[in-house]
Amino acid sequence: MCSDLSDYSNDAGTTTGGLVSGAFTEPGVTEVIAVAGSGCLINNSIQSCTLVTSTNACEYAFVGGSFTTRDSTTGDLLFGFFNPGGSVCVDFSAFPFNFSFIESGTISGGTGKSAE
């Protein structure tokens, strides 16, 4: 069961370097907790953070999660877990919500070139 601060994402993009280089897709599940403080637009007991021009965005800390990255060119998969720590800043002032995050992960396996 997921809490209200769980997130399922299905991302796509392009990256350079590393085990996956080029186009990729990445479904993932993360769990975050609100950082105690004040100034957040949707809840004044959550710490505010600045995102572009918004000074009342909301700050959360990563508890953990998991991901599977698929190299769109080769089909190779990369499996891993998000480490506790890191942060995400979410601007709830307009939909779709803008966000910025910093997190680290541990690779636990893969297929093809990612199995090395």
PDB file of N, CA and C in Angstrom:
ATOM      1  N   MET A   1       0.842  -1.172   0.000  1.00  0.00           N
ATOM      2  CA  MET A   1       0.000   0.000   0.000  1.00  0.00           C
ATOM      3  C   MET A   1       0.889   1.237   0.000  1.00  0.00           C
ATOM      4  N   CYS A   2       0.558   2.210  -0.813  1.00  0.00           N
ATOM      5  CA  CYS A   2       1.339   3.436  -0.924  1.00  0.00           C
ATOM      6  C   CYS A   2       0.722   4.528  -0.064  1.00  0.00           C
ATOM      7  N   SER A   3       1.572   5.325   0.558  1.00  0.00           N
ATOM      8  CA  SER A   3       1.071   6.471   1.316  1.00  0.00           C
ATOM      9  C   SER A   3       0.766   7.606   0.352  1.00  0.00           C
ATOM     10  N   ASP A   4       0.233   8.687   0.882  1.00  0.00           N
ATOM     11  CA  ASP A   4      -0.082   9.829   0.033  1.00  0.00           C
ATOM     12  C   ASP A   4       1.169  10.525  -0.491  1.00  0.00           C
ATOM     13  N   LEU A   5       2.333  10.166   0.005  1.00  0.00           N
ATOM     14  CA  LEU A   5       3.579  10.764  -0.476  1.00  0.00           C
ATOM     15  C   LEU A   5       4.422   9.759  -1.254  1.00  0.00           C
ATOM     16  N   SER A   6       3.764   8.736  -1.805  1.00  0.00           N
ATOM     17  CA  SER A   6       4.416   7.812  -2.719  1.00  0.00           C
ATOM     18  C   SER A   6       4.226   8.348  -4.126  1.00  0.00           C
ATOM     19  N   ASP A   7       5.134   7.986  -5.005  1.00  0.00           N
ATOM     20  CA  ASP A   7       5.061   8.481  -6.363  1.00  0.00           C
ATOM     21  C   ASP A   7       5.415   7.370  -7.328  1.00  0.00           C
ATOM     22  N   TYR A   8       4.604   7.209  -8.363  1.00  0.00           N
ATOM     23  CA  TYR A   8       4.962   6.352  -9.488  1.00  0.00           C
ATOM     24  C   TYR A   8       5.237   7.283 -10.645  1.00  0.00           C
ATOM     25  N   SER A   9       6.367   7.126 -11.273  1.00  0.00           N
ATOM     26  CA  SER A   9       6.692   7.961 -12.426  1.00  0.00           C
ATOM     27  C   SER A   9       7.056   7.080 -13.605  1.00  0.00           C
ATOM     28  N   ASN A  10       6.812   7.586 -14.780  1.00  0.00           N
ATOM     29  CA  ASN A  10       7.196   6.906 -16.005  1.00  0.00           C
ATOM     30  C   ASN A  10       7.885   7.948 -16.858  1.00  0.00           C
ATOM     31  N   ASP A  11       9.196   8.003 -16.761  1.00  0.00           N
ATOM     32  CA  ASP A  11       9.986   9.059 -17.377  1.00  0.00           C
ATOM     33  C   ASP A  11      10.585   8.606 -18.701  1.00  0.00           C
ATOM     34  N   ALA A  12      10.909   9.567 -19.537  1.00  0.00           N
ATOM     35  CA  ALA A  12      11.616   9.322 -20.791  1.00  0.00           C
ATOM     36  C   ALA A  12      12.518  10.510 -21.043  1.00  0.00           C
ATOM     37  N   GLY A  13      13.638  10.255 -21.680  1.00  0.00           N
ATOM     38  CA  GLY A  13      14.550  11.348 -21.964  1.00  0.00           C
ATOM     39  C   GLY A  13      15.793  10.866 -22.674  1.00  0.00           C
ATOM     40  N   THR A  14      16.823  11.673 -22.590  1.00  0.00           N
ATOM     41  CA  THR A  14      18.108  11.362 -23.202  1.00  0.00           C
ATOM     42  C   THR A  14      19.201  11.669 -22.192  1.00  0.00           C
ATOM     43  N   THR A  15      20.168  10.773 -22.096  1.00  0.00           N
ATOM     44  CA  THR A  15      21.288  10.975 -21.189  1.00  0.00           C
ATOM     45  C   THR A  15      22.593  10.694 -21.922  1.00  0.00           C
ATOM     46  N   THR A  16      23.700  11.169 -21.364  1.00  0.00           N
ATOM     47  CA  THR A  16      25.007  10.896 -21.956  1.00  0.00           C
ATOM     48  C   THR A  16      25.891  10.246 -20.907  1.00  0.00           C
ATOM     49  N   GLY A  17      26.723   9.319 -21.354  1.00  0.00           N
ATOM     50  CA  GLY A  17      27.649   8.639 -20.460  1.00  0.00           C
ATOM     51  C   GLY A  17      26.957   7.608 -19.603  1.00  0.00           C
ATOM     52  N   GLY A  18      27.737   6.843 -18.869  1.00  0.00           N
ATOM     53  CA  GLY A  18      27.172   5.852 -17.969  1.00  0.00           C
ATOM     54  C   GLY A  18      26.736   4.590 -18.684  1.00  0.00           C
ATOM     55  N   LEU A  19      26.055   3.717 -17.958  1.00  0.00           N
ATOM     56  CA  LEU A  19      25.610   2.449 -18.530  1.00  0.00           C
ATOM     57  C   LEU A  19      24.511   2.630 -19.558  1.00  0.00           C
ATOM     58  N   VAL A  20      23.671   3.649 -19.375  1.00  0.00           N
ATOM     59  CA  VAL A  20      22.639   3.972 -20.356  1.00  0.00           C
ATOM     60  C   VAL A  20      23.022   5.309 -20.969  1.00  0.00           C
ATOM     61  N   SER A  21      23.228   5.321 -22.284  1.00  0.00           N
ATOM     62  CA  SER A  21      23.610   6.544 -22.967  1.00  0.00           C
ATOM     63  C   SER A  21      22.714   6.712 -24.185  1.00  0.00           C
ATOM     64  N   GLY A  22      22.018   7.828 -24.262  1.00  0.00           N
ATOM     65  CA  GLY A  22      21.083   8.062 -25.342  1.00  0.00           C
ATOM     66  C   GLY A  22      19.659   8.068 -24.809  1.00  0.00           C
ATOM     67  N   ALA A  23      18.714   7.701 -25.672  1.00  0.00           N
ATOM     68  CA  ALA A  23      17.298   7.715 -25.302  1.00  0.00           C
ATOM     69  C   ALA A  23      17.003   6.600 -24.295  1.00  0.00           C
ATOM     70  N   PHE A  24      16.123   6.900 -23.331  1.00  0.00           N
ATOM     71  CA  PHE A  24      15.771   5.911 -22.319  1.00  0.00           C
ATOM     72  C   PHE A  24      14.337   6.120 -21.858  1.00  0.00           C
ATOM     73  N   THR A  25      13.772   5.075 -21.246  1.00  0.00           N
ATOM     74  CA  THR A  25      12.518   5.173 -20.508  1.00  0.00           C
ATOM     75  C   THR A  25      12.792   4.616 -19.120  1.00  0.00           C
ATOM     76  N   GLU A  26      12.039   5.095 -18.120  1.00  0.00           N
ATOM     77  CA  GLU A  26      12.324   4.672 -16.753  1.00  0.00           C
ATOM     78  C   GLU A  26      11.090   4.767 -15.867  1.00  0.00           C
ATOM     79  N   PRO A  27      10.393   3.653 -15.663  1.00  0.00           N
ATOM     80  CA  PRO A  27       9.367   3.660 -14.627  1.00  0.00           C
ATOM     81  C   PRO A  27      10.039   3.548 -13.264  1.00  0.00           C
ATOM     82  N   GLY A  28       9.481   4.203 -12.278  1.00  0.00           N
ATOM     83  CA  GLY A  28      10.060   4.146 -10.937  1.00  0.00           C
ATOM     84  C   GLY A  28       9.015   4.418  -9.876  1.00  0.00           C
ATOM     85  N   VAL A  29       9.314   3.973  -8.675  1.00  0.00           N
ATOM     86  CA  VAL A  29       8.464   4.221  -7.515  1.00  0.00           C
ATOM     87  C   VAL A  29       9.336   4.848  -6.438  1.00  0.00           C
ATOM     88  N   THR A  30       8.885   5.959  -5.856  1.00  0.00           N
ATOM     89  CA  THR A  30       9.640   6.596  -4.783  1.00  0.00           C
ATOM     90  C   THR A  30       8.708   6.912  -3.618  1.00  0.00           C
ATOM     91  N   GLU A  31       9.316   7.062  -2.465  1.00  0.00           N
ATOM     92  CA  GLU A  31       8.597   7.462  -1.247  1.00  0.00           C
ATOM     93  C   GLU A  31       9.317   8.679  -0.707  1.00  0.00           C
ATOM     94  N   VAL A  32       8.567   9.731  -0.373  1.00  0.00           N
ATOM     95  CA  VAL A  32       9.150  10.945   0.174  1.00  0.00           C
ATOM     96  C   VAL A  32       8.445  11.322   1.470  1.00  0.00           C
ATOM     97  N   ILE A  33       9.121  12.147   2.256  1.00  0.00           N
ATOM     98  CA  ILE A  33       8.501  12.733   3.443  1.00  0.00           C
ATOM     99  C   ILE A  33       8.645  14.247   3.336  1.00  0.00           C
ATOM    100  N   ALA A  34       7.655  14.951   3.845  1.00  0.00           N
ATOM    101  CA  ALA A  34       7.710  16.411   3.850  1.00  0.00           C
ATOM    102  C   ALA A  34       8.783  16.874   4.827  1.00  0.00           C
ATOM    103  N   VAL A  35       9.515  17.906   4.456  1.00  0.00           N
ATOM    104  CA  VAL A  35      10.524  18.498   5.334  1.00  0.00           C
ATOM    105  C   VAL A  35       9.819  19.533   6.206  1.00  0.00           C
ATOM    106  N   ALA A  36       9.933  19.374   7.514  1.00  0.00           N
ATOM    107  CA  ALA A  36       9.274  20.287   8.453  1.00  0.00           C
ATOM    108  C   ALA A  36       9.841  21.701   8.317  1.00  0.00           C
ATOM    109  N   GLY A  37       8.972  22.667   8.381  1.00  0.00           N
ATOM    110  CA  GLY A  37       9.369  24.061   8.264  1.00  0.00           C
ATOM    111  C   GLY A  37       8.150  24.920   8.013  1.00  0.00           C
ATOM    112  N   SER A  38       8.329  25.941   7.203  1.00  0.00           N
ATOM    113  CA  SER A  38       7.191  26.809   6.886  1.00  0.00           C
ATOM    114  C   SER A  38       7.383  27.437   5.516  1.00  0.00           C
ATOM    115  N   GLY A  39       6.298  27.997   4.993  1.00  0.00           N
ATOM    116  CA  GLY A  39       6.360  28.758   3.758  1.00  0.00           C
ATOM    117  C   GLY A  39       5.879  28.044   2.512  1.00  0.00           C
ATOM    118  N   CYS A  40       5.585  26.744   2.602  1.00  0.00           N
ATOM    119  CA  CYS A  40       5.106  25.983   1.444  1.00  0.00           C
ATOM    120  C   CYS A  40       3.705  26.455   1.056  1.00  0.00           C
ATOM    121  N   LEU A  41       3.454  26.595  -0.236  1.00  0.00           N
ATOM    122  CA  LEU A  41       2.182  27.100  -0.747  1.00  0.00           C
ATOM    123  C   LEU A  41       0.985  26.281  -0.284  1.00  0.00           C
ATOM    124  N   ILE A  42       1.105  24.955  -0.244  1.00  0.00           N
ATOM    125  CA  ILE A  42      -0.066  24.114   0.054  1.00  0.00           C
ATOM    126  C   ILE A  42      -0.185  23.711   1.516  1.00  0.00           C
ATOM    127  N   ASN A  43       0.880  23.913   2.298  1.00  0.00           N
ATOM    128  CA  ASN A  43       0.848  23.519   3.708  1.00  0.00           C
ATOM    129  C   ASN A  43       1.947  24.286   4.434  1.00  0.00           C
ATOM    130  N   ASN A  44       1.584  25.207   5.305  1.00  0.00           N
ATOM    131  CA  ASN A  44       2.572  26.063   5.952  1.00  0.00           C
ATOM    132  C   ASN A  44       3.446  25.326   6.975  1.00  0.00           C
ATOM    133  N   SER A  45       3.216  24.032   7.217  1.00  0.00           N
ATOM    134  CA  SER A  45       4.099  23.274   8.113  1.00  0.00           C
ATOM    135  C   SER A  45       5.185  22.532   7.335  1.00  0.00           C
ATOM    136  N   ILE A  46       5.227  22.731   6.006  1.00  0.00           N
ATOM    137  CA  ILE A  46       6.261  22.144   5.148  1.00  0.00           C
ATOM    138  C   ILE A  46       7.241  23.245   4.755  1.00  0.00           C
ATOM    139  N   GLN A  47       8.526  22.910   4.754  1.00  0.00           N
ATOM    140  CA  GLN A  47       9.583  23.855   4.397  1.00  0.00           C
ATOM    141  C   GLN A  47       9.420  24.317   2.954  1.00  0.00           C
ATOM    142  N   SER A  48       9.549  25.617   2.733  1.00  0.00           N
ATOM    143  CA  SER A  48       9.516  26.135   1.369  1.00  0.00           C
ATOM    144  C   SER A  48      10.891  25.976   0.727  1.00  0.00           C
ATOM    145  N   CYS A  49      10.893  25.958  -0.583  1.00  0.00           N
ATOM    146  CA  CYS A  49      12.134  25.942  -1.359  1.00  0.00           C
ATOM    147  C   CYS A  49      11.892  26.830  -2.579  1.00  0.00           C
ATOM    148  N   THR A  50      12.941  27.227  -3.243  1.00  0.00           N
ATOM    149  CA  THR A  50      12.831  28.106  -4.405  1.00  0.00           C
ATOM    150  C   THR A  50      13.045  27.306  -5.673  1.00  0.00           C
ATOM    151  N   LEU A  51      12.102  27.457  -6.599  1.00  0.00           N
ATOM    152  CA  LEU A  51      12.188  26.789  -7.891  1.00  0.00           C
ATOM    153  C   LEU A  51      11.904  27.836  -8.958  1.00  0.00           C
ATOM    154  N   VAL A  52      12.922  28.167  -9.709  1.00  0.00           N
ATOM    155  CA  VAL A  52      12.890  29.223 -10.716  1.00  0.00           C
ATOM    156  C   VAL A  52      12.461  30.526 -10.022  1.00  0.00           C
ATOM    157  N   THR A  53      11.254  31.022 -10.255  1.00  0.00           N
ATOM    158  CA  THR A  53      10.815  32.277  -9.634  1.00  0.00           C
ATOM    159  C   THR A  53       9.874  32.048  -8.454  1.00  0.00           C
ATOM    160  N   SER A  54       9.483  30.807  -8.207  1.00  0.00           N
ATOM    161  CA  SER A  54       8.579  30.505  -7.091  1.00  0.00           C
ATOM    162  C   SER A  54       9.383  30.332  -5.804  1.00  0.00           C
ATOM    163  N   THR A  55       9.077  31.149  -4.799  1.00  0.00           N
ATOM    164  CA  THR A  55       9.777  31.052  -3.515  1.00  0.00           C
ATOM    165  C   THR A  55       8.961  30.290  -2.478  1.00  0.00           C
ATOM    166  N   ASN A  56       7.771  29.822  -2.862  1.00  0.00           N
ATOM    167  CA  ASN A  56       6.942  29.087  -1.911  1.00  0.00           C
ATOM    168  C   ASN A  56       6.638  27.669  -2.394  1.00  0.00           C
ATOM    169  N   ALA A  57       7.581  27.104  -3.154  1.00  0.00           N
ATOM    170  CA  ALA A  57       7.480  25.696  -3.539  1.00  0.00           C
ATOM    171  C   ALA A  57       7.685  24.853  -2.278  1.00  0.00           C
ATOM    172  N   CYS A  58       7.426  23.552  -2.352  1.00  0.00           N
ATOM    173  CA  CYS A  58       7.445  22.690  -1.167  1.00  0.00           C
ATOM    174  C   CYS A  58       8.582  21.679  -1.244  1.00  0.00           C
ATOM    175  N   GLU A  59       9.276  21.483  -0.110  1.00  0.00           N
ATOM    176  CA  GLU A  59      10.446  20.606  -0.078  1.00  0.00           C
ATOM    177  C   GLU A  59      10.123  19.264   0.574  1.00  0.00           C
ATOM    178  N   TYR A  60      10.595  18.204  -0.066  1.00  0.00           N
ATOM    179  CA  TYR A  60      10.417  16.844   0.423  1.00  0.00           C
ATOM    180  C   TYR A  60      11.766  16.136   0.400  1.00  0.00           C
ATOM    181  N   ALA A  61      11.935  15.121   1.255  1.00  0.00           N
ATOM    182  CA  ALA A  61      13.159  14.316   1.301  1.00  0.00           C
ATOM    183  C   ALA A  61      12.826  12.898   0.847  1.00  0.00           C
ATOM    184  N   PHE A  62      13.703  12.305   0.040  1.00  0.00           N
ATOM    185  CA  PHE A  62      13.504  10.941  -0.431  1.00  0.00           C
ATOM    186  C   PHE A  62      13.764   9.947   0.695  1.00  0.00           C
ATOM    187  N   VAL A  63      12.863   8.977   0.844  1.00  0.00           N
ATOM    188  CA  VAL A  63      13.033   7.876   1.800  1.00  0.00           C
ATOM    189  C   VAL A  63      13.635   6.680   1.072  1.00  0.00           C
ATOM    190  N   GLY A  64      13.282   6.477  -0.172  1.00  0.00           N
ATOM    191  CA  GLY A  64      13.798   5.367  -0.968  1.00  0.00           C
ATOM    192  C   GLY A  64      12.904   5.106  -2.154  1.00  0.00           C
ATOM    193  N   GLY A  65      13.173   4.018  -2.870  1.00  0.00           N
ATOM    194  CA  GLY A  65      12.372   3.652  -4.030  1.00  0.00           C
ATOM    195  C   GLY A  65      13.138   2.713  -4.933  1.00  0.00           C
ATOM    196  N   SER A  66      12.582   2.441  -6.091  1.00  0.00           N
ATOM    197  CA  SER A  66      13.231   1.556  -7.054  1.00  0.00           C
ATOM    198  C   SER A  66      12.963   2.037  -8.471  1.00  0.00           C
ATOM    199  N   PHE A  67      13.789   1.570  -9.416  1.00  0.00           N
ATOM    200  CA  PHE A  67      13.644   1.975 -10.808  1.00  0.00           C
ATOM    201  C   PHE A  67      14.123   0.870 -11.737  1.00  0.00           C
ATOM    202  N   THR A  68      13.652   0.924 -12.962  1.00  0.00           N
ATOM    203  CA  THR A  68      14.137   0.093 -14.058  1.00  0.00           C
ATOM    204  C   THR A  68      14.314   1.016 -15.250  1.00  0.00           C
ATOM    205  N   THR A  69      15.528   1.142 -15.728  1.00  0.00           N
ATOM    206  CA  THR A  69      15.816   2.002 -16.869  1.00  0.00           C
ATOM    207  C   THR A  69      16.001   1.135 -18.103  1.00  0.00           C
ATOM    208  N   ARG A  70      15.321   1.491 -19.184  1.00  0.00           N
ATOM    209  CA  ARG A  70      15.431   0.753 -20.445  1.00  0.00           C
ATOM    210  C   ARG A  70      16.117   1.623 -21.482  1.00  0.00           C
ATOM    211  N   ASP A  71      17.242   1.125 -22.015  1.00  0.00           N
ATOM    212  CA  ASP A  71      17.941   1.809 -23.101  1.00  0.00           C
ATOM    213  C   ASP A  71      17.069   1.668 -24.345  1.00  0.00           C
ATOM    214  N   SER A  72      16.564   2.768 -24.868  1.00  0.00           N
ATOM    215  CA  SER A  72      15.634   2.724 -25.995  1.00  0.00           C
ATOM    216  C   SER A  72      16.266   2.199 -27.276  1.00  0.00           C
ATOM    217  N   THR A  73      17.574   2.288 -27.411  1.00  0.00           N
ATOM    218  CA  THR A  73      18.256   1.816 -28.612  1.00  0.00           C
ATOM    219  C   THR A  73      18.487   0.305 -28.569  1.00  0.00           C
ATOM    220  N   THR A  74      19.010  -0.200 -27.449  1.00  0.00           N
ATOM    221  CA  THR A  74      19.376  -1.614 -27.360  1.00  0.00           C
ATOM    222  C   THR A  74      18.342  -2.472 -26.644  1.00  0.00           C
ATOM    223  N   GLY A  75      17.477  -1.843 -25.858  1.00  0.00           N
ATOM    224  CA  GLY A  75      16.518  -2.602 -25.058  1.00  0.00           C
ATOM    225  C   GLY A  75      17.098  -3.111 -23.753  1.00  0.00           C
ATOM    226  N   ASP A  76      18.384  -2.844 -23.497  1.00  0.00           N
ATOM    227  CA  ASP A  76      19.011  -3.286 -22.251  1.00  0.00           C
ATOM    228  C   ASP A  76      18.331  -2.638 -21.054  1.00  0.00           C
ATOM    229  N   LEU A  77      18.251  -3.390 -19.952  1.00  0.00           N
ATOM    230  CA  LEU A  77      17.618  -2.902 -18.730  1.00  0.00           C
ATOM    231  C   LEU A  77      18.653  -2.691 -17.639  1.00  0.00           C
ATOM    232  N   LEU A  78      18.398  -1.726 -16.782  1.00  0.00           N
ATOM    233  CA  LEU A  78      19.236  -1.424 -15.628  1.00  0.00           C
ATOM    234  C   LEU A  78      18.309  -1.353 -14.425  1.00  0.00           C
ATOM    235  N   PHE A  79      18.557  -2.184 -13.401  1.00  0.00           N
ATOM    236  CA  PHE A  79      17.709  -2.237 -12.212  1.00  0.00           C
ATOM    237  C   PHE A  79      18.414  -1.578 -11.046  1.00  0.00           C
ATOM    238  N   GLY A  80      17.663  -0.901 -10.193  1.00  0.00           N
ATOM    239  CA  GLY A  80      18.297  -0.282  -9.041  1.00  0.00           C
ATOM    240  C   GLY A  80      17.318   0.230  -8.015  1.00  0.00           C
ATOM    241  N   PHE A  81      17.910   0.789  -6.963  1.00  0.00           N
ATOM    242  CA  PHE A  81      17.157   1.329  -5.833  1.00  0.00           C
ATOM    243  C   PHE A  81      17.612   2.747  -5.573  1.00  0.00           C
ATOM    244  N   PHE A  82      16.668   3.624  -5.221  1.00  0.00           N
ATOM    245  CA  PHE A  82      17.015   4.976  -4.803  1.00  0.00           C
ATOM    246  C   PHE A  82      17.427   4.931  -3.338  1.00  0.00           C
ATOM    247  N   ASN A  83      18.527   5.571  -3.012  1.00  0.00           N
ATOM    248  CA  ASN A  83      19.023   5.620  -1.642  1.00  0.00           C
ATOM    249  C   ASN A  83      18.257   6.664  -0.837  1.00  0.00           C
ATOM    250  N   PRO A  84      18.085   6.436   0.464  1.00  0.00           N
ATOM    251  CA  PRO A  84      17.495   7.481   1.316  1.00  0.00           C
ATOM    252  C   PRO A  84      18.345   8.750   1.247  1.00  0.00           C
ATOM    253  N   GLY A  85      17.719   9.879   1.379  1.00  0.00           N
ATOM    254  CA  GLY A  85      18.408  11.159   1.277  1.00  0.00           C
ATOM    255  C   GLY A  85      18.035  11.829  -0.025  1.00  0.00           C
ATOM    256  N   GLY A  86      18.631  12.913  -0.322  1.00  0.00           N
ATOM    257  CA  GLY A  86      18.254  13.654  -1.509  1.00  0.00           C
ATOM    258  C   GLY A  86      16.993  14.454  -1.249  1.00  0.00           C
ATOM    259  N   SER A  87      16.630  15.296  -2.190  1.00  0.00           N
ATOM    260  CA  SER A  87      15.473  16.161  -1.978  1.00  0.00           C
ATOM    261  C   SER A  87      14.748  16.424  -3.284  1.00  0.00           C
ATOM    262  N   VAL A  88      13.508  16.847  -3.134  1.00  0.00           N
ATOM    263  CA  VAL A  88      12.708  17.268  -4.276  1.00  0.00           C
ATOM    264  C   VAL A  88      11.988  18.555  -3.898  1.00  0.00           C
ATOM    265  N   CYS A  89      11.965  19.493  -4.808  1.00  0.00           N
ATOM    266  CA  CYS A  89      11.290  20.778  -4.619  1.00  0.00           C
ATOM    267  C   CYS A  89      10.174  20.837  -5.659  1.00  0.00           C
ATOM    268  N   VAL A  90       8.925  21.001  -5.203  1.00  0.00           N
ATOM    269  CA  VAL A  90       7.765  20.978  -6.096  1.00  0.00           C
ATOM    270  C   VAL A  90       7.021  22.313  -6.030  1.00  0.00           C
ATOM    271  N   ASP A  91       6.783  22.900  -7.195  1.00  0.00           N
ATOM    272  CA  ASP A  91       6.026  24.141  -7.301  1.00  0.00           C
ATOM    273  C   ASP A  91       4.580  23.787  -7.633  1.00  0.00           C
ATOM    274  N   PHE A  92       3.681  23.939  -6.652  1.00  0.00           N
ATOM    275  CA  PHE A  92       2.269  23.597  -6.829  1.00  0.00           C
ATOM    276  C   PHE A  92       1.421  24.773  -7.310  1.00  0.00           C
ATOM    277  N   SER A  93       2.052  25.869  -7.747  1.00  0.00           N
ATOM    278  CA  SER A  93       1.287  27.064  -8.091  1.00  0.00           C
ATOM    279  C   SER A  93       0.538  26.957  -9.420  1.00  0.00           C
ATOM    280  N   ALA A  94       0.944  26.083 -10.310  1.00  0.00           N
ATOM    281  CA  ALA A  94       0.253  25.921 -11.596  1.00  0.00           C
ATOM    282  C   ALA A  94       0.461  24.501 -12.107  1.00  0.00           C
ATOM    283  N   PHE A  95      -0.563  23.963 -12.741  1.00  0.00           N
ATOM    284  CA  PHE A  95      -0.479  22.614 -13.299  1.00  0.00           C
ATOM    285  C   PHE A  95      -0.067  22.703 -14.761  1.00  0.00           C
ATOM    286  N   PRO A  96       0.807  21.862 -15.288  1.00  0.00           N
ATOM    287  CA  PRO A  96       1.463  20.769 -14.585  1.00  0.00           C
ATOM    288  C   PRO A  96       2.524  21.301 -13.629  1.00  0.00           C
ATOM    289  N   PHE A  97       2.719  20.615 -12.513  1.00  0.00           N
ATOM    290  CA  PHE A  97       3.636  21.053 -11.470  1.00  0.00           C
ATOM    291  C   PHE A  97       5.081  20.922 -11.922  1.00  0.00           C
ATOM    292  N   ASN A  98       5.853  21.981 -11.743  1.00  0.00           N
ATOM    293  CA  ASN A  98       7.290  21.929 -12.009  1.00  0.00           C
ATOM    294  C   ASN A  98       7.995  21.406 -10.780  1.00  0.00           C
ATOM    295  N   PHE A  99       9.081  20.686 -10.992  1.00  0.00           N
ATOM    296  CA  PHE A  99       9.843  20.156  -9.872  1.00  0.00           C
ATOM    297  C   PHE A  99      11.305  20.004 -10.245  1.00  0.00           C
ATOM    298  N   SER A 100      12.128  19.913  -9.230  1.00  0.00           N
ATOM    299  CA  SER A 100      13.554  19.666  -9.379  1.00  0.00           C
ATOM    300  C   SER A 100      13.956  18.717  -8.267  1.00  0.00           C
ATOM    301  N   PHE A 101      14.822  17.758  -8.581  1.00  0.00           N
ATOM    302  CA  PHE A 101      15.211  16.823  -7.532  1.00  0.00           C
ATOM    303  C   PHE A 101      16.674  16.433  -7.637  1.00  0.00           C
ATOM    304  N   ILE A 102      17.208  15.997  -6.503  1.00  0.00           N
ATOM    305  CA  ILE A 102      18.562  15.455  -6.399  1.00  0.00           C
ATOM    306  C   ILE A 102      18.419  14.154  -5.639  1.00  0.00           C
ATOM    307  N   GLU A 103      18.873  13.061  -6.227  1.00  0.00           N
ATOM    308  CA  GLU A 103      18.823  11.775  -5.549  1.00  0.00           C
ATOM    309  C   GLU A 103      19.963  10.903  -6.048  1.00  0.00           C
ATOM    310  N   SER A 104      20.286   9.880  -5.283  1.00  0.00           N
ATOM    311  CA  SER A 104      21.300   8.926  -5.694  1.00  0.00           C
ATOM    312  C   SER A 104      20.711   7.533  -5.615  1.00  0.00           C
ATOM    313  N   GLY A 105      21.319   6.619  -6.335  1.00  0.00           N
ATOM    314  CA  GLY A 105      20.793   5.263  -6.359  1.00  0.00           C
ATOM    315  C   GLY A 105      21.905   4.233  -6.364  1.00  0.00           C
ATOM    316  N   THR A 106      21.497   2.999  -6.190  1.00  0.00           N
ATOM    317  CA  THR A 106      22.404   1.861  -6.219  1.00  0.00           C
ATOM    318  C   THR A 106      21.941   0.924  -7.323  1.00  0.00           C
ATOM    319  N   ILE A 107      22.824   0.590  -8.237  1.00  0.00           N
ATOM    320  CA  ILE A 107      22.493  -0.339  -9.313  1.00  0.00           C
ATOM    321  C   ILE A 107      22.578  -1.755  -8.761  1.00  0.00           C
ATOM    322  N   SER A 108      21.525  -2.539  -8.998  1.00  0.00           N
ATOM    323  CA  SER A 108      21.491  -3.907  -8.467  1.00  0.00           C
ATOM    324  C   SER A 108      21.594  -4.969  -9.554  1.00  0.00           C
ATOM    325  N   GLY A 109      21.584  -4.591 -10.818  1.00  0.00           N
ATOM    326  CA  GLY A 109      21.704  -5.559 -11.889  1.00  0.00           C
ATOM    327  C   GLY A 109      21.239  -4.986 -13.207  1.00  0.00           C
ATOM    328  N   GLY A 110      21.204  -5.840 -14.217  1.00  0.00           N
ATOM    329  CA  GLY A 110      20.760  -5.388 -15.517  1.00  0.00           C
ATOM    330  C   GLY A 110      20.876  -6.489 -16.541  1.00  0.00           C
ATOM    331  N   THR A 111      20.556  -6.137 -17.793  1.00  0.00           N
ATOM    332  CA  THR A 111      20.666  -7.063 -18.895  1.00  0.00           C
ATOM    333  C   THR A 111      21.544  -6.458 -19.967  1.00  0.00           C
ATOM    334  N   GLY A 112      22.051  -7.275 -20.874  1.00  0.00           N
ATOM    335  CA  GLY A 112      22.896  -6.777 -21.964  1.00  0.00           C
ATOM    336  C   GLY A 112      24.132  -6.075 -21.434  1.00  0.00           C
ATOM    337  N   LYS A 113      24.437  -4.906 -22.006  1.00  0.00           N
ATOM    338  CA  LYS A 113      25.627  -4.169 -21.568  1.00  0.00           C
ATOM    339  C   LYS A 113      25.524  -3.717 -20.110  1.00  0.00           C
ATOM    340  N   SER A 114      24.306  -3.625 -19.592  1.00  0.00           N
ATOM    341  CA  SER A 114      24.110  -3.222 -18.187  1.00  0.00           C
ATOM    342  C   SER A 114      24.364  -4.368 -17.219  1.00  0.00           C
ATOM    343  N   ALA A 115      24.525  -5.586 -17.727  1.00  0.00           N
ATOM    344  CA  ALA A 115      24.786  -6.741 -16.867  1.00  0.00           C
ATOM    345  C   ALA A 115      26.258  -6.827 -16.476  1.00  0.00           C
ATOM    346  N   GLU A 116      27.105  -6.026 -17.107  1.00  0.00           N
ATOM    347  CA  GLU A 116      28.550  -6.074 -16.847  1.00  0.00           C
ATOM    348  C   GLU A 116      28.910  -5.635 -15.447  1.00  0.00           C
TER     349      GLU A 116
END
